[in-house]
C-alpha atoms as a PDB file:
ATOM      1  CA  UNK A   1    -144.002   3.887 -78.373  1.00  0.00           C
ATOM      2  CA  UNK A   2    -143.410   7.360 -79.756  1.00  0.00           C
ATOM      3  CA  UNK A   3    -139.667   7.630 -80.291  1.00  0.00           C
ATOM      4  CA  UNK A   4    -139.436  11.371 -81.061  1.00  0.00           C
ATOM      5  CA  UNK A   5    -141.526  12.218 -77.993  1.00  0.00           C
ATOM      6  CA  UNK A   6    -139.383   9.988 -75.785  1.00  0.00           C
ATOM      7  CA  UNK A   7    -136.170  11.566 -77.078  1.00  0.00           C
ATOM      8  CA  UNK A   8    -137.413  15.090 -76.405  1.00  0.00           C
ATOM      9  CA  UNK A   9    -138.381  14.171 -72.843  1.00  0.00           C
ATOM     10  CA  UNK A  10    -134.928  12.648 -72.274  1.00  0.00           C
ATOM     11  CA  UNK A  11    -133.238  15.771 -73.634  1.00  0.00           C
ATOM     12  CA  UNK A  12    -135.428  17.947 -71.395  1.00  0.00           C
ATOM     13  CA  UNK A  13    -134.415  15.955 -68.310  1.00  0.00           C
ATOM     14  CA  UNK A  14    -130.720  16.170 -69.226  1.00  0.00           C
ATOM     15  CA  UNK A  15    -130.983  19.935 -69.629  1.00  0.00           C
ATOM     16  CA  UNK A  16    -132.568  20.263 -66.173  1.00  0.00           C
ATOM     17  CA  UNK A  17    -129.951  18.055 -64.509  1.00  0.00           C
ATOM     18  CA  UNK A  18    -127.043  19.783 -62.846  1.00  0.00           C
ATOM     19  CA  UNK A  19    -123.769  18.716 -61.284  1.00  0.00           C
ATOM     20  CA  UNK A  20    -124.043  18.524 -57.482  1.00  0.00           C
ATOM     21  CA  UNK A  21    -121.913  20.776 -55.345  1.00  0.00           C
ATOM     22  CA  UNK A  22    -119.049  19.277 -53.369  1.00  0.00           C
ATOM     23  CA  UNK A  23    -120.993  19.562 -50.101  1.00  0.00           C
ATOM     24  CA  UNK A  24    -124.010  17.788 -51.548  1.00  0.00           C
ATOM     25  CA  UNK A  25    -121.851  15.050 -53.068  1.00  0.00           C
ATOM     26  CA  UNK A  26    -119.919  14.449 -49.847  1.00  0.00           C
ATOM     27  CA  UNK A  27    -123.107  14.308 -47.785  1.00  0.00           C
ATOM     28  CA  UNK A  28    -124.704  11.744 -50.123  1.00  0.00           C
ATOM     29  CA  UNK A  29    -121.458   9.724 -50.109  1.00  0.00           C
ATOM     30  CA  UNK A  30    -121.336   9.690 -46.308  1.00  0.00           C
ATOM     31  CA  UNK A  31    -124.962   8.567 -46.045  1.00  0.00           C
ATOM     32  CA  UNK A  32    -124.479   5.833 -48.651  1.00  0.00           C
ATOM     33  CA  UNK A  33    -121.268   4.665 -46.964  1.00  0.00           C
ATOM     34  CA  UNK A  34    -122.967   4.548 -43.576  1.00  0.00           C
ATOM     35  CA  UNK A  35    -125.773   2.471 -45.072  1.00  0.00           C
ATOM     36  CA  UNK A  36    -123.307   0.012 -46.607  1.00  0.00           C
ATOM     37  CA  UNK A  37    -121.431  -0.313 -43.311  1.00  0.00           C
ATOM     38  CA  UNK A  38    -124.687  -0.769 -41.388  1.00  0.00           C
ATOM     39  CA  UNK A  39    -125.915  -3.548 -43.692  1.00  0.00           C
ATOM     40  CA  UNK A  40    -122.517  -5.264 -43.545  1.00  0.00           C
ATOM     41  CA  UNK A  41    -122.447  -5.047 -39.758  1.00  0.00           C
ATOM     42  CA  UNK A  42    -125.957  -6.462 -39.537  1.00  0.00           C
ATOM     43  CA  UNK A  43    -124.969  -9.354 -41.804  1.00  0.00           C
ATOM     44  CA  UNK A  44    -121.862 -10.026 -39.710  1.00  0.00           C
ATOM     45  CA  UNK A  45    -123.904 -10.037 -36.492  1.00  0.00           C
ATOM     46  CA  UNK A  46    -126.358 -12.500 -38.033  1.00  0.00           C
ATOM     47  CA  UNK A  47    -123.441 -14.679 -39.182  1.00  0.00           C
ATOM     48  CA  UNK A  48    -121.901 -14.721 -35.700  1.00  0.00           C
ATOM     49  CA  UNK A  49    -125.280 -15.459 -34.111  1.00  0.00           C
ATOM     50  CA  UNK A  50    -125.958 -18.311 -36.544  1.00  0.00           C
ATOM     51  CA  UNK A  51    -122.518 -19.825 -35.981  1.00  0.00           C
ATOM     52  CA  UNK A  52    -123.259 -20.284 -32.273  1.00  0.00           C
ATOM     53  CA  UNK A  53    -126.528 -22.097 -32.905  1.00  0.00           C
ATOM     54  CA  UNK A  54    -125.929 -25.859 -33.154  1.00  0.00           C
ATOM     55  CA  UNK A  55    -127.310 -27.542 -36.237  1.00  0.00           C
END
């Protein structure tokens, strides 16, 4: 492991990174929120379906 080389590559990546615009941030937030809601809804549907199946 070459520590100086790793540090320079990390610094290079941080210099290239930029703060997203408000539009980009809101679009990513909406997509992530929709994914969370979709997974939660799918889990709830599976829970309801499994509660009707007798054990």
